[in-house]
PDB file of N, CA and C in Angstrom:
ATOM      1  N   UNK A   1     -15.005 -68.803  58.005  1.00  0.00           N
ATOM      2  CA  UNK A   1     -16.162 -68.697  58.864  1.00  0.00           C
ATOM      3  C   UNK A   1     -15.771 -68.190  60.259  1.00  0.00           C
ATOM      4  N   UNK A   2     -14.616 -68.656  60.745  1.00  0.00           N
ATOM      5  CA  UNK A   2     -14.150 -68.228  62.065  1.00  0.00           C
ATOM      6  C   UNK A   2     -13.886 -66.721  62.083  1.00  0.00           C
ATOM      7  N   UNK A   3     -13.327 -66.224  60.978  1.00  0.00           N
ATOM      8  CA  UNK A   3     -13.038 -64.791  60.870  1.00  0.00           C
ATOM      9  C   UNK A   3     -14.332 -63.972  60.905  1.00  0.00           C
ATOM     10  N   UNK A   4     -15.347 -64.433  60.220  1.00  0.00           N
ATOM     11  CA  UNK A   4     -16.639 -63.748  60.211  1.00  0.00           C
ATOM     12  C   UNK A   4     -17.260 -63.741  61.601  1.00  0.00           C
ATOM     13  N   UNK A   5     -17.200 -64.873  62.286  1.00  0.00           N
ATOM     14  CA  UNK A   5     -17.730 -64.957  63.642  1.00  0.00           C
ATOM     15  C   UNK A   5     -16.985 -63.998  64.570  1.00  0.00           C
ATOM     16  N   UNK A   6     -15.660 -63.979  64.450  1.00  0.00           N
ATOM     17  CA  UNK A   6     -14.837 -63.101  65.289  1.00  0.00           C
ATOM     18  C   UNK A   6     -15.143 -61.630  65.018  1.00  0.00           C
ATOM     19  N   UNK A   7     -15.263 -61.274  63.745  1.00  0.00           N
ATOM     20  CA  UNK A   7     -15.575 -59.885  63.386  1.00  0.00           C
ATOM     21  C   UNK A   7     -16.944 -59.475  63.916  1.00  0.00           C
ATOM     22  N   UNK A   8     -17.912 -60.369  63.822  1.00  0.00           N
ATOM     23  CA  UNK A   8     -19.252 -60.087  64.337  1.00  0.00           C
ATOM     24  C   UNK A   8     -19.227 -59.912  65.850  1.00  0.00           C
ATOM     25  N   UNK A   9     -18.496 -60.789  66.537  1.00  0.00           N
ATOM     26  CA  UNK A   9     -18.384 -60.687  67.995  1.00  0.00           C
ATOM     27  C   UNK A   9     -17.738 -59.368  68.396  1.00  0.00           C
ATOM     28  N   UNK A  10     -16.693 -58.957  67.676  1.00  0.00           N
ATOM     29  CA  UNK A  10     -16.037 -57.677  67.963  1.00  0.00           C
ATOM     30  C   UNK A  10     -16.996 -56.507  67.759  1.00  0.00           C
ATOM     31  N   UNK A  11     -17.755 -56.553  66.685  1.00  0.00           N
ATOM     32  CA  UNK A  11     -18.714 -55.480  66.395  1.00  0.00           C
ATOM     33  C   UNK A  11     -19.787 -55.404  67.470  1.00  0.00           C
ATOM     34  N   UNK A  12     -20.330 -56.538  67.838  1.00  0.00           N
ATOM     35  CA  UNK A  12     -21.363 -56.550  68.876  1.00  0.00           C
ATOM     36  C   UNK A  12     -20.818 -56.071  70.210  1.00  0.00           C
ATOM     37  N   UNK A  13     -19.579 -56.448  70.527  1.00  0.00           N
ATOM     38  CA  UNK A  13     -18.957 -55.973  71.765  1.00  0.00           C
ATOM     39  C   UNK A  13     -18.811 -54.448  71.725  1.00  0.00           C
ATOM     40  N   UNK A  14     -18.430 -53.913  70.580  1.00  0.00           N
ATOM     41  CA  UNK A  14     -18.303 -52.465  70.437  1.00  0.00           C
ATOM     42  C   UNK A  14     -19.632 -51.753  70.575  1.00  0.00           C
ATOM     43  N   UNK A  15     -20.678 -52.331  69.996  1.00  0.00           N
ATOM     44  CA  UNK A  15     -22.013 -51.731  70.106  1.00  0.00           C
ATOM     45  C   UNK A  15     -22.466 -51.719  71.557  1.00  0.00           C
ATOM     46  N   UNK A  16     -22.340 -52.855  72.224  1.00  0.00           N
ATOM     47  CA  UNK A  16     -22.785 -52.954  73.621  1.00  0.00           C
ATOM     48  C   UNK A  16     -21.985 -51.998  74.500  1.00  0.00           C
ATOM     49  N   UNK A  17     -20.676 -51.981  74.337  1.00  0.00           N
ATOM     50  CA  UNK A  17     -19.836 -51.098  75.154  1.00  0.00           C
ATOM     51  C   UNK A  17     -20.151 -49.633  74.880  1.00  0.00           C
ATOM     52  N   UNK A  18     -20.316 -49.291  73.614  1.00  0.00           N
ATOM     53  CA  UNK A  18     -20.617 -47.910  73.254  1.00  0.00           C
ATOM     54  C   UNK A  18     -21.948 -47.444  73.809  1.00  0.00           C
ATOM     55  N   UNK A  19     -22.964 -48.276  73.671  1.00  0.00           N
ATOM     56  CA  UNK A  19     -24.298 -47.908  74.163  1.00  0.00           C
ATOM     57  C   UNK A  19     -24.301 -47.824  75.688  1.00  0.00           C
ATOM     58  N   UNK A  20     -23.542 -48.704  76.317  1.00  0.00           N
ATOM     59  CA  UNK A  20     -23.499 -48.714  77.779  1.00  0.00           C
ATOM     60  C   UNK A  20     -22.753 -47.496  78.339  1.00  0.00           C
ATOM     61  N   UNK A  21     -21.739 -47.009  77.642  1.00  0.00           N
ATOM     62  CA  UNK A  21     -20.862 -45.991  78.223  1.00  0.00           C
ATOM     63  C   UNK A  21     -20.996 -44.590  77.630  1.00  0.00           C
ATOM     64  N   UNK A  22     -21.598 -44.475  76.465  1.00  0.00           N
ATOM     65  CA  UNK A  22     -21.638 -43.174  75.789  1.00  0.00           C
ATOM     66  C   UNK A  22     -23.071 -42.661  75.639  1.00  0.00           C
ATOM     67  N   UNK A  23     -23.390 -41.527  76.276  1.00  0.00           N
ATOM     68  CA  UNK A  23     -24.758 -40.992  76.207  1.00  0.00           C
ATOM     69  C   UNK A  23     -25.246 -40.720  74.778  1.00  0.00           C
ATOM     70  N   UNK A  24     -24.386 -40.189  73.910  1.00  0.00           N
ATOM     71  CA  UNK A  24     -24.818 -39.891  72.539  1.00  0.00           C
ATOM     72  C   UNK A  24     -25.187 -41.174  71.799  1.00  0.00           C
ATOM     73  N   UNK A  25     -24.408 -42.224  71.991  1.00  0.00           N
ATOM     74  CA  UNK A  25     -24.720 -43.499  71.350  1.00  0.00           C
ATOM     75  C   UNK A  25     -26.004 -44.094  71.923  1.00  0.00           C
ATOM     76  N   UNK A  26     -26.190 -43.938  73.205  1.00  0.00           N
ATOM     77  CA  UNK A  26     -27.413 -44.419  73.842  1.00  0.00           C
ATOM     78  C   UNK A  26     -28.629 -43.677  73.270  1.00  0.00           C
ATOM     79  N   UNK A  27     -28.515 -42.358  73.144  1.00  0.00           N
ATOM     80  CA  UNK A  27     -29.614 -41.555  72.600  1.00  0.00           C
ATOM     81  C   UNK A  27     -29.944 -41.970  71.166  1.00  0.00           C
ATOM     82  N   UNK A  28     -28.918 -42.163  70.357  1.00  0.00           N
ATOM     83  CA  UNK A  28     -29.160 -42.488  68.955  1.00  0.00           C
ATOM     84  C   UNK A  28     -29.642 -43.927  68.779  1.00  0.00           C
ATOM     85  N   UNK A  29     -29.265 -44.806  69.688  1.00  0.00           N
ATOM     86  CA  UNK A  29     -29.809 -46.163  69.656  1.00  0.00           C
ATOM     87  C   UNK A  29     -31.289 -46.147  70.020  1.00  0.00           C
ATOM     88  N   UNK A  30     -31.642 -45.334  70.989  1.00  0.00           N
ATOM     89  CA  UNK A  30     -33.049 -45.154  71.338  1.00  0.00           C
ATOM     90  C   UNK A  30     -33.806 -44.546  70.153  1.00  0.00           C
ATOM     91  N   UNK A  31     -33.181 -43.578  69.492  1.00  0.00           N
ATOM     92  CA  UNK A  31     -33.783 -42.979  68.305  1.00  0.00           C
ATOM     93  C   UNK A  31     -34.037 -44.046  67.238  1.00  0.00           C
ATOM     94  N   UNK A  32     -33.095 -44.966  67.054  1.00  0.00           N
ATOM     95  CA  UNK A  32     -33.270 -46.048  66.089  1.00  0.00           C
ATOM     96  C   UNK A  32     -34.456 -46.927  66.474  1.00  0.00           C
ATOM     97  N   UNK A  33     -34.565 -47.265  67.749  1.00  0.00           N
ATOM     98  CA  UNK A  33     -35.680 -48.111  68.209  1.00  0.00           C
ATOM     99  C   UNK A  33     -37.018 -47.425  67.946  1.00  0.00           C
ATOM    100  N   UNK A  34     -37.096 -46.131  68.241  1.00  0.00           N
ATOM    101  CA  UNK A  34     -38.332 -45.380  67.994  1.00  0.00           C
ATOM    102  C   UNK A  34     -38.591 -45.285  66.489  1.00  0.00           C
ATOM    103  N   UNK A  35     -37.538 -45.036  65.722  1.00  0.00           N
ATOM    104  CA  UNK A  35     -37.675 -44.898  64.271  1.00  0.00           C
ATOM    105  C   UNK A  35     -38.165 -46.187  63.622  1.00  0.00           C
ATOM    106  N   UNK A  36     -37.693 -47.327  64.123  1.00  0.00           N
ATOM    107  CA  UNK A  36     -38.137 -48.609  63.569  1.00  0.00           C
ATOM    108  C   UNK A  36     -39.650 -48.753  63.660  1.00  0.00           C
ATOM    109  N   UNK A  37     -40.221 -48.308  64.765  1.00  0.00           N
ATOM    110  CA  UNK A  37     -41.676 -48.400  64.953  1.00  0.00           C
ATOM    111  C   UNK A  37     -42.415 -47.254  64.267  1.00  0.00           C
ATOM    112  N   UNK A  38     -41.947 -46.037  64.493  1.00  0.00           N
ATOM    113  CA  UNK A  38     -42.615 -44.864  63.924  1.00  0.00           C
ATOM    114  C   UNK A  38     -42.547 -44.872  62.399  1.00  0.00           C
ATOM    115  N   UNK A  39     -41.450 -45.359  61.873  1.00  0.00           N
ATOM    116  CA  UNK A  39     -41.279 -45.405  60.420  1.00  0.00           C
ATOM    117  C   UNK A  39     -42.336 -46.235  59.729  1.00  0.00           C
ATOM    118  N   UNK A  40     -42.812 -47.265  60.393  1.00  0.00           N
ATOM    119  CA  UNK A  40     -43.866 -48.110  59.813  1.00  0.00           C
ATOM    120  C   UNK A  40     -45.117 -47.287  59.554  1.00  0.00           C
ATOM    121  N   UNK A  41     -45.410 -46.365  60.452  1.00  0.00           N
ATOM    122  CA  UNK A  41     -46.604 -45.530  60.337  1.00  0.00           C
ATOM    123  C   UNK A  41     -46.370 -44.368  59.375  1.00  0.00           C
ATOM    124  N   UNK A  42     -45.182 -43.779  59.430  1.00  0.00           N
ATOM    125  CA  UNK A  42     -44.908 -42.551  58.686  1.00  0.00           C
ATOM    126  C   UNK A  42     -44.475 -42.806  57.249  1.00  0.00           C
ATOM    127  N   UNK A  43     -43.736 -43.863  56.997  1.00  0.00           N
ATOM    128  CA  UNK A  43     -43.149 -44.094  55.671  1.00  0.00           C
ATOM    129  C   UNK A  43     -44.230 -44.226  54.597  1.00  0.00           C
ATOM    130  N   UNK A  44     -44.087 -43.470  53.525  1.00  0.00           N
ATOM    131  CA  UNK A  44     -45.065 -43.560  52.434  1.00  0.00           C
ATOM    132  C   UNK A  44     -44.985 -44.884  51.665  1.00  0.00           C
ATOM    133  N   UNK A  45     -43.849 -45.563  51.726  1.00  0.00           N
ATOM    134  CA  UNK A  45     -43.674 -46.840  51.029  1.00  0.00           C
ATOM    135  C   UNK A  45     -42.523 -47.603  51.671  1.00  0.00           C
ATOM    136  N   UNK A  46     -42.331 -48.824  51.221  1.00  0.00           N
ATOM    137  CA  UNK A  46     -41.226 -49.645  51.746  1.00  0.00           C
ATOM    138  C   UNK A  46     -39.870 -49.014  51.426  1.00  0.00           C
ATOM    139  N   UNK A  47     -39.758 -48.423  50.260  1.00  0.00           N
ATOM    140  CA  UNK A  47     -38.494 -47.775  49.885  1.00  0.00           C
ATOM    141  C   UNK A  47     -38.206 -46.601  50.816  1.00  0.00           C
ATOM    142  N   UNK A  48     -39.216 -45.826  51.126  1.00  0.00           N
ATOM    143  CA  UNK A  48     -39.053 -44.721  52.068  1.00  0.00           C
ATOM    144  C   UNK A  48     -38.663 -45.249  53.443  1.00  0.00           C
ATOM    145  N   UNK A  49     -39.275 -46.339  53.871  1.00  0.00           N
ATOM    146  CA  UNK A  49     -38.949 -46.920  55.175  1.00  0.00           C
ATOM    147  C   UNK A  49     -37.473 -47.314  55.228  1.00  0.00           C
ATOM    148  N   UNK A  50     -36.999 -47.959  54.185  1.00  0.00           N
ATOM    149  CA  UNK A  50     -35.585 -48.350  54.130  1.00  0.00           C
ATOM    150  C   UNK A  50     -34.693 -47.112  54.203  1.00  0.00           C
ATOM    151  N   UNK A  51     -35.044 -46.057  53.475  1.00  0.00           N
ATOM    152  CA  UNK A  51     -34.251 -44.823  53.502  1.00  0.00           C
ATOM    153  C   UNK A  51     -34.284 -44.186  54.894  1.00  0.00           C
ATOM    154  N   UNK A  52     -35.442 -44.169  55.511  1.00  0.00           N
ATOM    155  CA  UNK A  52     -35.595 -43.538  56.824  1.00  0.00           C
ATOM    156  C   UNK A  52     -34.805 -44.277  57.899  1.00  0.00           C
ATOM    157  N   UNK A  53     -34.843 -45.607  57.864  1.00  0.00           N
ATOM    158  CA  UNK A  53     -34.080 -46.389  58.839  1.00  0.00           C
ATOM    159  C   UNK A  53     -32.605 -46.375  58.476  1.00  0.00           C
ATOM    160  N   UNK A  54     -32.312 -46.441  57.188  1.00  0.00           N
ATOM    161  CA  UNK A  54     -30.923 -46.413  56.728  1.00  0.00           C
ATOM    162  C   UNK A  54     -30.194 -45.160  57.160  1.00  0.00           C
ATOM    163  N   UNK A  55     -30.859 -44.022  57.088  1.00  0.00           N
ATOM    164  CA  UNK A  55     -30.205 -42.773  57.470  1.00  0.00           C
ATOM    165  C   UNK A  55     -29.938 -42.725  58.973  1.00  0.00           C
ATOM    166  N   UNK A  56     -30.780 -43.355  59.766  1.00  0.00           N
ATOM    167  CA  UNK A  56     -30.532 -43.428  61.215  1.00  0.00           C
ATOM    168  C   UNK A  56     -29.345 -44.359  61.483  1.00  0.00           C
ATOM    169  N   UNK A  57     -29.247 -45.454  60.746  1.00  0.00           N
ATOM    170  CA  UNK A  57     -28.092 -46.346  60.890  1.00  0.00           C
ATOM    171  C   UNK A  57     -26.792 -45.651  60.479  1.00  0.00           C
ATOM    172  N   UNK A  58     -26.855 -44.851  59.424  1.00  0.00           N
ATOM    173  CA  UNK A  58     -25.678 -44.068  59.011  1.00  0.00           C
ATOM    174  C   UNK A  58     -25.298 -43.082  60.109  1.00  0.00           C
ATOM    175  N   UNK A  59     -26.286 -42.419  60.685  1.00  0.00           N
ATOM    176  CA  UNK A  59     -26.033 -41.496  61.787  1.00  0.00           C
ATOM    177  C   UNK A  59     -25.364 -42.216  62.951  1.00  0.00           C
ATOM    178  N   UNK A  60     -25.843 -43.391  63.282  1.00  0.00           N
ATOM    179  CA  UNK A  60     -25.259 -44.182  64.362  1.00  0.00           C
ATOM    180  C   UNK A  60     -23.814 -44.559  64.031  1.00  0.00           C
ATOM    181  N   UNK A  61     -23.551 -44.927  62.787  1.00  0.00           N
ATOM    182  CA  UNK A  61     -22.185 -45.258  62.367  1.00  0.00           C
ATOM    183  C   UNK A  61     -21.268 -44.050  62.499  1.00  0.00           C
ATOM    184  N   UNK A  62     -21.744 -42.884  62.093  1.00  0.00           N
ATOM    185  CA  UNK A  62     -20.948 -41.658  62.222  1.00  0.00           C
ATOM    186  C   UNK A  62     -20.654 -41.383  63.691  1.00  0.00           C
ATOM    187  N   UNK A  63     -21.647 -41.568  64.540  1.00  0.00           N
ATOM    188  CA  UNK A  63     -21.459 -41.334  65.975  1.00  0.00           C
ATOM    189  C   UNK A  63     -20.438 -42.307  66.561  1.00  0.00           C
ATOM    190  N   UNK A  64     -20.477 -43.571  66.147  1.00  0.00           N
ATOM    191  CA  UNK A  64     -19.469 -44.529  66.606  1.00  0.00           C
ATOM    192  C   UNK A  64     -18.070 -44.099  66.175  1.00  0.00           C
ATOM    193  N   UNK A  65     -17.923 -43.662  64.931  1.00  0.00           N
ATOM    194  CA  UNK A  65     -16.612 -43.200  64.467  1.00  0.00           C
ATOM    195  C   UNK A  65     -16.160 -41.962  65.224  1.00  0.00           C
ATOM    196  N   UNK A  66     -17.079 -41.024  65.461  1.00  0.00           N
ATOM    197  CA  UNK A  66     -16.739 -39.832  66.224  1.00  0.00           C
ATOM    198  C   UNK A  66     -16.303 -40.194  67.638  1.00  0.00           C
ATOM    199  N   UNK A  67     -17.010 -41.123  68.258  1.00  0.00           N
ATOM    200  CA  UNK A  67     -16.654 -41.572  69.603  1.00  0.00           C
ATOM    201  C   UNK A  67     -15.272 -42.207  69.603  1.00  0.00           C
ATOM    202  N   UNK A  68     -14.995 -43.020  68.586  1.00  0.00           N
ATOM    203  CA  UNK A  68     -13.673 -43.657  68.488  1.00  0.00           C
ATOM    204  C   UNK A  68     -12.575 -42.612  68.350  1.00  0.00           C
ATOM    205  N   UNK A  69     -12.804 -41.596  67.532  1.00  0.00           N
ATOM    206  CA  UNK A  69     -11.821 -40.524  67.359  1.00  0.00           C
ATOM    207  C   UNK A  69     -11.590 -39.796  68.677  1.00  0.00           C
ATOM    208  N   UNK A  70     -12.668 -39.475  69.378  1.00  0.00           N
ATOM    209  CA  UNK A  70     -12.531 -38.768  70.650  1.00  0.00           C
ATOM    210  C   UNK A  70     -11.795 -39.606  71.689  1.00  0.00           C
ATOM    211  N   UNK A  71     -12.120 -40.892  71.777  1.00  0.00           N
ATOM    212  CA  UNK A  71     -11.441 -41.773  72.737  1.00  0.00           C
ATOM    213  C   UNK A  71      -9.965 -41.904  72.402  1.00  0.00           C
ATOM    214  N   UNK A  72      -9.635 -42.032  71.127  1.00  0.00           N
ATOM    215  CA  UNK A  72      -8.234 -42.129  70.719  1.00  0.00           C
ATOM    216  C   UNK A  72      -7.488 -40.837  71.021  1.00  0.00           C
ATOM    217  N   UNK A  73      -8.111 -39.711  70.736  1.00  0.00           N
ATOM    218  CA  UNK A  73      -7.483 -38.418  71.011  1.00  0.00           C
ATOM    219  C   UNK A  73      -7.241 -38.244  72.506  1.00  0.00           C
ATOM    220  N   UNK A  74      -8.200 -38.647  73.328  1.00  0.00           N
ATOM    221  CA  UNK A  74      -8.029 -38.561  74.775  1.00  0.00           C
ATOM    222  C   UNK A  74      -6.935 -39.512  75.259  1.00  0.00           C
ATOM    223  N   UNK A  75      -6.780 -40.626  74.581  1.00  0.00           N
ATOM    224  CA  UNK A  75      -5.734 -41.583  74.952  1.00  0.00           C
ATOM    225  C   UNK A  75      -4.344 -41.027  74.629  1.00  0.00           C
ATOM    226  N   UNK A  76      -4.264 -40.300  73.528  1.00  0.00           N
ATOM    227  CA  UNK A  76      -2.983 -39.714  73.120  1.00  0.00           C
ATOM    228  C   UNK A  76      -2.540 -38.670  74.131  1.00  0.00           C
ATOM    229  N   UNK A  77      -3.442 -37.771  74.503  1.00  0.00           N
ATOM    230  CA  UNK A  77      -3.118 -36.752  75.505  1.00  0.00           C
ATOM    231  C   UNK A  77      -4.403 -36.178  76.090  1.00  0.00           C
ATOM    232  N   UNK A  78      -4.373 -35.937  77.386  1.00  0.00           N
ATOM    233  CA  UNK A  78      -5.497 -35.284  78.063  1.00  0.00           C
ATOM    234  C   UNK A  78      -5.305 -33.772  78.090  1.00  0.00           C
ATOM    235  N   UNK A  79      -4.112 -33.325  77.737  1.00  0.00           N
ATOM    236  CA  UNK A  79      -3.830 -31.892  77.738  1.00  0.00           C
ATOM    237  C   UNK A  79      -4.610 -31.197  76.630  1.00  0.00           C
ATOM    238  N   UNK A  80      -4.888 -29.920  76.857  1.00  0.00           N
ATOM    239  CA  UNK A  80      -5.531 -29.115  75.829  1.00  0.00           C
ATOM    240  C   UNK A  80      -4.549 -28.930  74.678  1.00  0.00           C
ATOM    241  N   UNK A  81      -4.968 -29.306  73.490  1.00  0.00           N
ATOM    242  CA  UNK A  81      -4.111 -29.203  72.322  1.00  0.00           C
ATOM    243  C   UNK A  81      -4.975 -28.721  71.160  1.00  0.00           C
ATOM    244  N   UNK A  82      -4.544 -27.653  70.503  1.00  0.00           N
ATOM    245  CA  UNK A  82      -5.354 -27.023  69.460  1.00  0.00           C
ATOM    246  C   UNK A  82      -5.680 -27.987  68.321  1.00  0.00           C
ATOM    247  N   UNK A  83      -4.722 -28.781  67.890  1.00  0.00           N
ATOM    248  CA  UNK A  83      -4.976 -29.707  66.781  1.00  0.00           C
ATOM    249  C   UNK A  83      -5.950 -30.814  67.181  1.00  0.00           C
ATOM    250  N   UNK A  84      -5.823 -31.324  68.388  1.00  0.00           N
ATOM    251  CA  UNK A  84      -6.748 -32.364  68.841  1.00  0.00           C
ATOM    252  C   UNK A  84      -8.149 -31.788  69.015  1.00  0.00           C
ATOM    253  N   UNK A  85      -8.253 -30.556  69.487  1.00  0.00           N
ATOM    254  CA  UNK A  85      -9.568 -29.906  69.577  1.00  0.00           C
ATOM    255  C   UNK A  85     -10.196 -29.805  68.200  1.00  0.00           C
ATOM    256  N   UNK A  86      -9.401 -29.429  67.197  1.00  0.00           N
ATOM    257  CA  UNK A  86      -9.914 -29.328  65.829  1.00  0.00           C
ATOM    258  C   UNK A  86     -10.372 -30.688  65.309  1.00  0.00           C
ATOM    259  N   UNK A  87      -9.592 -31.728  65.585  1.00  0.00           N
ATOM    260  CA  UNK A  87      -9.948 -33.081  65.159  1.00  0.00           C
ATOM    261  C   UNK A  87     -11.286 -33.492  65.780  1.00  0.00           C
ATOM    262  N   UNK A  88     -11.438 -33.227  67.070  1.00  0.00           N
ATOM    263  CA  UNK A  88     -12.698 -33.547  67.736  1.00  0.00           C
ATOM    264  C   UNK A  88     -13.850 -32.724  67.156  1.00  0.00           C
ATOM    265  N   UNK A  89     -13.583 -31.465  66.842  1.00  0.00           N
ATOM    266  CA  UNK A  89     -14.616 -30.623  66.232  1.00  0.00           C
ATOM    267  C   UNK A  89     -15.013 -31.145  64.854  1.00  0.00           C
ATOM    268  N   UNK A  90     -14.055 -31.668  64.095  1.00  0.00           N
ATOM    269  CA  UNK A  90     -14.372 -32.246  62.785  1.00  0.00           C
ATOM    270  C   UNK A  90     -15.306 -33.446  62.950  1.00  0.00           C
ATOM    271  N   UNK A  91     -15.029 -34.282  63.943  1.00  0.00           N
ATOM    272  CA  UNK A  91     -15.905 -35.422  64.212  1.00  0.00           C
ATOM    273  C   UNK A  91     -17.296 -34.972  64.603  1.00  0.00           C
ATOM    274  N   UNK A  92     -17.360 -33.950  65.438  1.00  0.00           N
ATOM    275  CA  UNK A  92     -18.645 -33.402  65.853  1.00  0.00           C
ATOM    276  C   UNK A  92     -19.396 -32.827  64.653  1.00  0.00           C
ATOM    277  N   UNK A  93     -18.680 -32.169  63.758  1.00  0.00           N
ATOM    278  CA  UNK A  93     -19.305 -31.623  62.550  1.00  0.00           C
ATOM    279  C   UNK A  93     -19.861 -32.743  61.670  1.00  0.00           C
ATOM    280  N   UNK A  94     -19.165 -33.865  61.618  1.00  0.00           N
ATOM    281  CA  UNK A  94     -19.655 -35.012  60.842  1.00  0.00           C
ATOM    282  C   UNK A  94     -20.974 -35.521  61.431  1.00  0.00           C
ATOM    283  N   UNK A  95     -21.046 -35.594  62.741  1.00  0.00           N
ATOM    284  CA  UNK A  95     -22.294 -36.013  63.396  1.00  0.00           C
ATOM    285  C   UNK A  95     -23.404 -35.015  63.082  1.00  0.00           C
ATOM    286  N   UNK A  96     -23.091 -33.733  63.133  1.00  0.00           N
ATOM    287  CA  UNK A  96     -24.081 -32.706  62.832  1.00  0.00           C
ATOM    288  C   UNK A  96     -24.615 -32.863  61.408  1.00  0.00           C
ATOM    289  N   UNK A  97     -23.724 -33.125  60.454  1.00  0.00           N
ATOM    290  CA  UNK A  97     -24.151 -33.341  59.069  1.00  0.00           C
ATOM    291  C   UNK A  97     -25.058 -34.567  58.967  1.00  0.00           C
ATOM    292  N   UNK A  98     -24.711 -35.623  59.689  1.00  0.00           N
ATOM    293  CA  UNK A  98     -25.555 -36.819  59.709  1.00  0.00           C
ATOM    294  C   UNK A  98     -26.927 -36.535  60.291  1.00  0.00           C
ATOM    295  N   UNK A  99     -26.966 -35.752  61.360  1.00  0.00           N
ATOM    296  CA  UNK A  99     -28.253 -35.361  61.955  1.00  0.00           C
ATOM    297  C   UNK A  99     -29.089 -34.549  60.969  1.00  0.00           C
ATOM    298  N   UNK A 100     -28.453 -33.632  60.255  1.00  0.00           N
ATOM    299  CA  UNK A 100     -29.168 -32.830  59.254  1.00  0.00           C
ATOM    300  C   UNK A 100     -29.719 -33.714  58.147  1.00  0.00           C
ATOM    301  N   UNK A 101     -28.907 -34.669  57.672  1.00  0.00           N
ATOM    302  CA  UNK A 101     -29.365 -35.586  56.636  1.00  0.00           C
ATOM    303  C   UNK A 101     -30.555 -36.404  57.129  1.00  0.00           C
ATOM    304  N   UNK A 102     -30.453 -36.930  58.338  1.00  0.00           N
ATOM    305  CA  UNK A 102     -31.558 -37.713  58.902  1.00  0.00           C
ATOM    306  C   UNK A 102     -32.821 -36.858  58.998  1.00  0.00           C
ATOM    307  N   UNK A 103     -32.661 -35.638  59.465  1.00  0.00           N
ATOM    308  CA  UNK A 103     -33.808 -34.734  59.567  1.00  0.00           C
ATOM    309  C   UNK A 103     -34.444 -34.468  58.215  1.00  0.00           C
ATOM    310  N   UNK A 104     -33.625 -34.229  57.208  1.00  0.00           N
ATOM    311  CA  UNK A 104     -34.154 -33.961  55.868  1.00  0.00           C
ATOM    312  C   UNK A 104     -34.912 -35.163  55.310  1.00  0.00           C
ATOM    313  N   UNK A 105     -34.358 -36.353  55.474  1.00  0.00           N
ATOM    314  CA  UNK A 105     -35.021 -37.554  54.964  1.00  0.00           C
ATOM    315  C   UNK A 105     -36.362 -37.762  55.671  1.00  0.00           C
ATOM    316  N   UNK A 106     -36.361 -37.618  56.987  1.00  0.00           N
ATOM    317  CA  UNK A 106     -37.610 -37.823  57.745  1.00  0.00           C
ATOM    318  C   UNK A 106     -38.635 -36.740  57.425  1.00  0.00           C
ATOM    319  N   UNK A 107     -38.197 -35.497  57.292  1.00  0.00           N
ATOM    320  CA  UNK A 107     -39.130 -34.417  56.934  1.00  0.00           C
ATOM    321  C   UNK A 107     -39.710 -34.656  55.548  1.00  0.00           C
ATOM    322  N   UNK A 108     -38.879 -35.067  54.600  1.00  0.00           N
ATOM    323  CA  UNK A 108     -39.369 -35.356  53.247  1.00  0.00           C
ATOM    324  C   UNK A 108     -40.367 -36.513  53.267  1.00  0.00           C
ATOM    325  N   UNK A 109     -40.069 -37.554  54.032  1.00  0.00           N
ATOM    326  CA  UNK A 109     -40.978 -38.703  54.115  1.00  0.00           C
ATOM    327  C   UNK A 109     -42.327 -38.291  54.708  1.00  0.00           C
ATOM    328  N   UNK A 110     -42.275 -37.497  55.751  1.00  0.00           N
ATOM    329  CA  UNK A 110     -43.518 -37.029  56.383  1.00  0.00           C
ATOM    330  C   UNK A 110     -44.308 -36.155  55.411  1.00  0.00           C
ATOM    331  N   UNK A 111     -43.590 -35.301  54.696  1.00  0.00           N
ATOM    332  CA  UNK A 111     -44.259 -34.421  53.732  1.00  0.00           C
ATOM    333  C   UNK A 111     -44.924 -35.236  52.618  1.00  0.00           C
ATOM    334  N   UNK A 112     -44.230 -36.261  52.117  1.00  0.00           N
ATOM    335  CA  UNK A 112     -44.813 -37.114  51.090  1.00  0.00           C
ATOM    336  C   UNK A 112     -46.000 -37.889  51.661  1.00  0.00           C
ATOM    337  N   UNK A 113     -45.843 -38.424  52.853  1.00  0.00           N
ATOM    338  CA  UNK A 113     -46.891 -39.237  53.481  1.00  0.00           C
ATOM    339  C   UNK A 113     -48.186 -38.463  53.655  1.00  0.00           C
ATOM    340  N   UNK A 114     -48.057 -37.171  54.001  1.00  0.00           N
ATOM    341  CA  UNK A 114     -49.250 -36.367  54.276  1.00  0.00           C
ATOM    342  C   UNK A 114     -49.591 -35.424  53.130  1.00  0.00           C
ATOM    343  N   UNK A 115     -49.048 -35.702  51.937  1.00  0.00           N
ATOM    344  CA  UNK A 115     -49.417 -34.972  50.721  1.00  0.00           C
ATOM    345  C   UNK A 115     -48.914 -33.550  50.652  1.00  0.00           C
ATOM    346  N   UNK A 116     -47.874 -33.218  51.366  1.00  0.00           N
ATOM    347  CA  UNK A 116     -47.343 -31.861  51.325  1.00  0.00           C
ATOM    348  C   UNK A 116     -46.306 -31.682  50.241  1.00  0.00           C
ATOM    349  N   UNK A 117     -45.829 -32.775  49.681  1.00  0.00           N
ATOM    350  CA  UNK A 117     -44.881 -32.722  48.561  1.00  0.00           C
ATOM    351  C   UNK A 117     -45.418 -33.489  47.378  1.00  0.00           C
TER     352      UNK A 117
END
């Protein structure tokens, strides 16, 4: 039980620190808050709502991992390094893929909700 409490405390500390210090995490957390409310209106069903919110949570997780990679890379060296630039670009590409997935899920939900699919 102590391990679970400690892990939860670490996770919450990471969320708070990330949202407080990183604009992208702040934006996506705001997106989650809006999605939680908007999804109730837009989702064609409870299953769609879970998918719509789930994809935003996945996007947030990807952004946290990307932020961690960037912070670690900056800690290793502040100098311009081709391999570190590529690593950061890979993280950015992962976020982009997550954004595309979120967009597709939300567009599909809206299309189903309004009878376009």
